[in-house]
Amino acid sequence: MNSQALVLHRRVKTLDQGALHCREVELRLAEDGRHVLLSRYVEWYDPEQAGLCAAQHYRVPLASMIRWMINNGERGEGH
């Protein structure tokens, strides 16, 4: 199973002297179909220095996420 990511947040900001700061947060279904993966990427690029990249990944059982949504979500009207 190859799921496409849902991009929750993406920002690219130009800093001084052509440097870039990029941030992205995405959500996808794991290969096993039973977990959700939340990934956070941060990248700094400076034409005068080596770039820096950092990534953090969080894995949550899909069933736990759905239970949390049911327990903590607001009920829609008419449902």
Protein backbone atom coordinates (compact mmCIF):
# COMPACT_ATOMS: atom_id res chain seq x y z
CA MET A 1 0.00 0.00 0.00
CA ASN A 2 1.54 3.33 -1.03
CA SER A 3 -0.46 6.21 0.43
CA GLN A 4 -0.06 9.81 -0.56
CA ALA A 5 0.69 12.29 2.19
CA LEU A 6 -1.79 14.91 3.31
CA VAL A 7 0.22 18.12 3.73
CA LEU A 8 -1.09 19.86 6.85
CA HIS A 9 1.34 22.78 6.79
CA ARG A 10 4.01 24.01 4.40
CA ARG A 11 5.97 27.24 4.61
CA VAL A 12 9.00 28.48 2.74
CA LYS A 13 10.50 31.72 3.99
CA THR A 14 13.31 33.70 2.36
CA LEU A 15 15.80 34.99 4.89
CA ASP A 16 18.70 37.41 4.52
CA GLN A 17 21.17 37.00 1.63
CA GLY A 18 19.26 34.24 -0.17
CA ALA A 19 18.95 31.83 2.74
CA LEU A 20 15.76 29.75 2.90
CA HIS A 21 13.86 28.25 5.82
CA CYS A 22 11.40 25.48 4.86
CA ARG A 23 8.92 23.73 7.17
CA GLU A 24 6.43 21.00 6.37
CA VAL A 25 4.08 18.82 8.40
CA GLU A 26 2.39 15.88 6.71
CA LEU A 27 0.12 12.99 7.63
CA ARG A 28 -0.04 9.61 5.89
CA LEU A 29 -1.32 6.10 6.41
CA ALA A 30 1.48 3.63 7.20
CA GLU A 31 2.26 0.68 4.94
CA ASP A 32 0.48 -1.70 7.33
CA GLY A 33 -2.77 0.32 7.08
CA ARG A 34 -3.10 0.25 10.88
CA HIS A 35 -1.03 3.28 11.85
CA VAL A 36 -0.95 6.96 10.99
CA LEU A 37 2.41 8.66 10.50
CA LEU A 38 2.89 12.34 11.27
CA SER A 39 6.14 13.76 9.90
CA ARG A 40 7.71 17.16 10.56
CA TYR A 41 10.50 18.42 8.31
CA VAL A 42 12.61 21.53 8.78
CA GLU A 43 15.31 22.57 6.35
CA TRP A 44 17.64 25.56 6.27
CA TYR A 45 19.51 26.39 3.11
CA ASP A 46 22.22 29.02 2.90
CA PRO A 47 24.16 29.39 -0.37
CA GLU A 48 27.33 30.20 1.61
CA GLN A 49 27.13 27.24 4.02
CA ALA A 50 26.11 23.61 4.09
CA GLY A 51 22.36 23.12 4.48
CA LEU A 52 20.76 21.64 7.57
CA CYS A 53 17.79 19.29 7.59
CA ALA A 54 15.88 17.76 10.49
CA ALA A 55 12.95 15.34 10.49
CA GLN A 56 10.76 13.94 13.26
CA HIS A 57 8.28 11.12 12.75
CA TYR A 58 5.44 10.06 15.02
CA ARG A 59 3.56 6.76 14.62
CA VAL A 60 0.09 6.34 16.16
CA PRO A 61 -2.27 3.35 15.90
CA LEU A 62 -5.21 4.36 13.69
CA ALA A 63 -7.70 2.80 16.12
CA SER A 64 -6.31 4.93 18.99
CA MET A 65 -6.58 8.08 16.89
CA ILE A 66 -10.21 7.33 15.98
CA ARG A 67 -11.08 6.61 19.64
CA TRP A 68 -9.46 9.92 20.63
CA MET A 69 -11.48 11.75 17.95
CA ILE A 70 -14.74 10.19 19.17
CA ASN A 71 -13.96 11.04 22.81
CA ASN A 72 -12.67 14.56 22.18
CA GLY A 73 -14.37 15.77 19.01
CA GLU A 74 -17.43 17.95 18.76
CA ARG A 75 -20.60 16.35 17.49
CA GLY A 76 -21.91 17.82 14.22
CA GLU A 77 -25.47 19.11 14.12
CA GLY A 78 -28.09 16.81 12.66
CA HIS A 79 -26.00 13.67 13.15
